Amino acid sequence: MVSTLPTPQQLITTDAWISATWDEFLVASEDSEQTHARCYYDLGLMRIETMPTGSAHAQDNALLATTIGFYGAMKNFSFVSFVNGSFRKSGERECQPDLAYYIDSEVQRPTKNNQPIDVEVWGAPTLAIEISSTTLSDDLGGKRLLYERLGVGEYWVVNVKAAKIIAFEVANGGSRQIQTSLVLPGLPMGLVEEVLQRSQTDDDGAVSRWLIQQFSA
């Protein structure tokens, strides 16, 4: 959905792509910090997205962070992780994935401050993840194109309702679906999906112990 930007006296439409200049996006995103919204901008369109507060989104977010953290540590990957961090290419695009990672043997930690991470300085995240409890079509559509243009290495969409992962390798300005991560070599999407499925009956401690067993094998 695309509409025109409301006047300052009107509330900005949320959860939809709206025509806006970069300066208008900056004003809206600064205001959204007071309402706990997430902000996206690409090709003259902005999306101010209300942040899900339910347990489904929150729990899957935590489980994905645990899974990747365990895998990276136990397989000896160098990585830096971000929850709801903003990544900006000034004047062109911005995104705020649920989870994002820089993964590399020579990874550098972006400066710790309260400003969006400048991808022209630090590069785009190696891996970006959207936890999709209410926004699946957009996460697979408009946001996927945004992440392609931003230049992430890999993009995952978590279908919360189905407990499924739709993962894409991003290269040469496009993306293709994959079943095993390339930026976290050897990590199959099927195992990550089993984590989500196990969480429906097991507590986090039990799931974590199961993960340790899988990654130690």
Protein backbone atom coordinates (compact mmCIF):
# COMPACT_ATOMS: atom_id res chain seq x y z
CA MET A 1 0.00 0.00 0.00
CA VAL A 2 1.35 3.45 -0.92
CA SER A 3 -0.25 6.73 0.11
CA THR A 4 0.80 10.36 0.40
CA LEU A 5 2.41 11.76 3.53
CA PRO A 6 -0.14 13.30 5.90
CA THR A 7 0.09 16.94 6.92
CA PRO A 8 1.85 17.65 10.23
CA GLN A 9 -1.53 18.02 11.93
CA GLN A 10 -2.52 14.47 11.02
CA LEU A 11 -1.29 11.23 12.45
CA ILE A 12 1.12 9.45 10.13
CA THR A 13 -0.31 6.23 8.78
CA THR A 14 1.44 3.27 10.36
CA ASP A 15 2.12 -0.21 8.97
CA ALA A 16 2.01 1.00 5.37
CA TRP A 17 4.53 2.37 2.87
CA ILE A 18 3.99 6.13 2.53
CA SER A 19 5.58 8.57 0.07
CA ALA A 20 8.04 10.78 1.94
CA THR A 21 11.28 12.69 1.52
CA TRP A 22 14.31 11.67 3.53
CA ASP A 23 13.90 14.73 5.78
CA GLU A 24 10.25 13.86 6.43
CA PHE A 25 11.31 10.33 7.32
CA LEU A 26 13.87 11.64 9.81
CA VAL A 27 11.22 13.74 11.54
CA ALA A 28 8.77 10.84 11.65
CA SER A 29 11.38 8.35 12.87
CA GLU A 30 12.53 10.65 15.66
CA ASP A 31 8.92 11.04 16.79
CA SER A 32 8.35 7.27 16.56
CA GLU A 33 11.02 6.73 19.20
CA GLN A 34 8.42 7.94 21.67
CA THR A 35 5.89 5.34 20.50
CA HIS A 36 8.20 2.31 20.23
CA ALA A 37 7.75 1.99 16.48
CA ARG A 38 10.21 0.59 13.95
CA CYS A 39 11.21 2.64 10.95
CA TYR A 40 12.06 1.79 7.33
CA TYR A 41 12.87 3.94 4.30
CA ASP A 42 13.60 3.01 0.70
CA LEU A 43 13.16 4.60 -2.73
CA GLY A 44 11.20 7.61 -1.45
CA LEU A 45 8.87 5.52 0.70
CA MET A 46 8.79 5.19 4.47
CA ARG A 47 7.14 2.68 6.75
CA ILE A 48 6.54 3.40 10.43
CA GLU A 49 5.69 0.01 11.87
CA THR A 50 4.08 -0.58 15.25
CA MET A 51 6.23 -2.93 17.27
CA PRO A 52 4.53 -6.21 18.25
CA THR A 53 4.30 -6.65 22.00
CA GLY A 54 2.78 -10.14 22.19
CA SER A 55 4.54 -13.20 23.55
CA ALA A 56 4.75 -14.95 20.15
CA HIS A 57 6.97 -12.31 18.57
CA ALA A 58 8.99 -11.71 21.73
CA GLN A 59 9.67 -15.38 22.42
CA ASP A 60 10.73 -16.21 18.86
CA ASN A 61 12.99 -13.17 18.87
CA ALA A 62 14.70 -14.40 22.05
CA LEU A 63 14.96 -17.99 20.75
CA LEU A 64 16.58 -16.92 17.48
CA ALA A 65 19.09 -14.80 19.37
CA THR A 66 19.91 -17.75 21.67
CA THR A 67 20.24 -20.16 18.76
CA ILE A 68 22.60 -17.97 16.75
CA GLY A 69 24.55 -16.96 19.84
CA PHE A 70 25.12 -20.59 20.84
CA TYR A 71 26.02 -21.61 17.30
CA GLY A 72 28.47 -18.76 16.82
CA ALA A 73 30.16 -19.37 20.17
CA MET A 74 30.38 -23.15 19.90
CA LYS A 75 31.50 -23.12 16.25
CA ASN A 76 34.01 -20.34 16.97
CA PHE A 77 32.55 -17.65 14.71
CA SER A 78 33.37 -13.99 15.33
CA PHE A 79 30.16 -11.97 15.46
CA VAL A 80 28.50 -8.85 16.86
CA SER A 81 24.73 -8.92 17.39
CA PHE A 82 22.01 -6.26 17.50
CA VAL A 83 18.38 -6.34 18.66
CA ASN A 84 16.16 -3.71 16.98
CA GLY A 85 19.18 -1.75 15.79
CA SER A 86 18.79 0.84 13.02
CA PHE A 87 21.03 0.66 9.94
CA ARG A 88 21.21 3.75 7.75
CA LYS A 89 22.53 4.79 4.37
CA SER A 90 21.91 8.48 4.77
CA GLY A 91 19.51 10.02 2.26
CA GLU A 92 18.64 6.65 0.69
CA ARG A 93 17.44 3.91 3.01
CA GLU A 94 17.11 2.74 6.57
CA CYS A 95 15.93 -0.45 8.24
CA GLN A 96 15.41 -1.77 11.74
CA PRO A 97 15.45 -5.58 11.71
CA ASP A 98 14.48 -7.55 14.79
CA LEU A 99 17.94 -9.12 14.82
CA ALA A 100 21.10 -8.31 12.90
CA TYR A 101 24.65 -9.63 12.91
CA TYR A 102 28.06 -8.75 11.61
CA ILE A 103 29.83 -12.09 11.10
CA ASP A 104 33.45 -12.27 10.01
CA SER A 105 36.86 -13.39 11.21
CA GLU A 106 37.92 -9.71 11.23
CA VAL A 107 34.60 -8.22 12.34
CA GLN A 108 34.71 -4.75 13.87
CA ARG A 109 32.26 -3.50 16.46
CA PRO A 110 30.40 -0.35 15.34
CA THR A 111 30.82 2.58 17.70
CA LYS A 112 28.53 2.19 20.70
CA ASN A 113 26.21 5.20 20.79
CA ASN A 114 22.55 6.04 20.25
CA GLN A 115 22.85 6.90 16.56
CA PRO A 116 21.79 4.61 13.68
CA ILE A 117 24.65 2.45 12.41
CA ASP A 118 26.15 4.01 9.28
CA VAL A 119 26.42 1.27 6.65
CA GLU A 120 28.72 3.44 4.59
CA VAL A 121 31.22 3.21 7.45
CA TRP A 122 30.57 -0.27 8.82
CA GLY A 123 28.92 -1.98 5.87
CA ALA A 124 25.53 -3.67 5.83
CA PRO A 125 24.86 -6.45 8.37
CA THR A 126 25.98 -9.91 7.32
CA LEU A 127 22.64 -11.31 8.49
CA ALA A 128 19.30 -9.53 9.02
CA ILE A 129 16.24 -11.23 10.53
CA GLU A 130 12.61 -10.15 10.66
CA ILE A 131 10.32 -11.96 13.14
CA SER A 132 7.04 -11.95 11.25
CA SER A 133 3.97 -12.31 13.45
CA THR A 134 1.75 -9.83 11.58
CA THR A 135 3.82 -8.55 8.61
CA LEU A 136 4.71 -11.66 6.60
CA SER A 137 3.74 -10.36 3.15
CA ASP A 138 5.71 -7.15 3.60
CA ASP A 139 8.71 -8.93 5.11
CA LEU A 140 8.84 -11.13 2.01
CA GLY A 141 8.09 -8.21 -0.32
CA GLY A 142 9.05 -4.60 0.26
CA LYS A 143 11.49 -5.25 3.09
CA ARG A 144 13.18 -8.05 1.20
CA LEU A 145 13.86 -5.62 -1.66
CA LEU A 146 15.15 -3.04 0.83
CA TYR A 147 17.61 -5.55 2.30
CA GLU A 148 18.74 -6.56 -1.19
CA ARG A 149 19.52 -2.94 -2.02
CA LEU A 150 21.17 -2.38 1.35
CA GLY A 151 23.53 -5.26 0.60
CA VAL A 152 23.08 -7.67 3.52
CA GLY A 153 24.66 -11.08 3.04
CA GLU A 154 21.67 -13.11 4.19
CA TYR A 155 18.05 -12.35 5.12
CA TRP A 156 15.74 -14.55 7.19
CA VAL A 157 11.99 -14.17 7.67
CA VAL A 158 10.51 -16.06 10.62
CA ASN A 159 6.91 -17.09 10.04
CA VAL A 160 5.77 -17.13 13.67
CA LYS A 161 2.40 -18.79 13.06
CA ALA A 162 3.86 -21.67 11.05
CA ALA A 163 7.15 -21.94 13.01
CA LYS A 164 9.03 -21.78 9.70
CA ILE A 165 12.11 -19.93 8.46
CA ILE A 166 12.31 -18.50 4.94
CA ALA A 167 15.99 -17.74 4.37
CA PHE A 168 17.57 -15.93 1.42
CA GLU A 169 21.11 -15.52 0.21
CA VAL A 170 21.52 -11.95 -1.06
CA ALA A 171 23.98 -11.37 -3.88
CA ASN A 172 24.32 -9.23 -7.01
CA GLY A 173 21.31 -7.09 -6.12
CA GLY A 174 18.94 -10.07 -5.81
CA SER A 175 18.18 -13.00 -3.55
CA ARG A 176 17.47 -16.73 -3.70
CA GLN A 177 16.00 -19.03 -1.09
CA ILE A 178 18.39 -21.33 0.76
CA GLN A 179 17.93 -24.26 3.16
CA THR A 180 21.30 -23.96 4.94
CA SER A 181 22.92 -20.71 6.06
CA LEU A 182 25.94 -19.57 4.10
CA VAL A 183 27.05 -16.88 6.56
CA LEU A 184 26.76 -19.36 9.45
CA PRO A 185 28.08 -22.38 7.51
CA GLY A 186 26.52 -25.69 8.44
CA LEU A 187 23.46 -24.27 10.19
CA PRO A 188 20.36 -25.77 8.54
CA MET A 189 17.06 -23.93 8.60
CA GLY A 190 15.38 -27.19 9.59
CA LEU A 191 17.24 -27.16 12.92
CA VAL A 192 16.26 -23.54 13.59
CA GLU A 193 12.64 -24.43 12.82
CA GLU A 194 12.83 -27.32 15.29
CA VAL A 195 13.89 -24.82 17.96
CA LEU A 196 10.70 -22.85 17.29
CA GLN A 197 8.60 -26.00 17.36
CA ARG A 198 10.16 -27.31 20.57
CA SER A 199 9.49 -23.98 22.27
CA GLN A 200 5.76 -24.65 21.95
CA THR A 201 6.02 -27.44 24.55
CA ASP A 202 9.45 -27.05 26.22
CA ASP A 203 10.82 -24.26 28.38
CA ASP A 204 13.82 -22.25 27.24
CA GLY A 205 16.23 -24.17 29.45
CA ALA A 206 15.22 -27.48 27.86
CA VAL A 207 15.51 -26.00 24.37
CA SER A 208 18.94 -24.56 25.20
CA ARG A 209 20.19 -27.91 26.48
CA TRP A 210 18.94 -29.56 23.30
CA LEU A 211 20.73 -26.92 21.23
CA ILE A 212 24.00 -27.54 23.06
CA GLN A 213 23.70 -31.24 22.30
CA GLN A 214 23.09 -30.56 18.60
CA PHE A 215 25.96 -28.10 18.26
CA SER A 216 28.36 -30.35 20.20
CA ALA A 217 27.78 -33.32 17.90
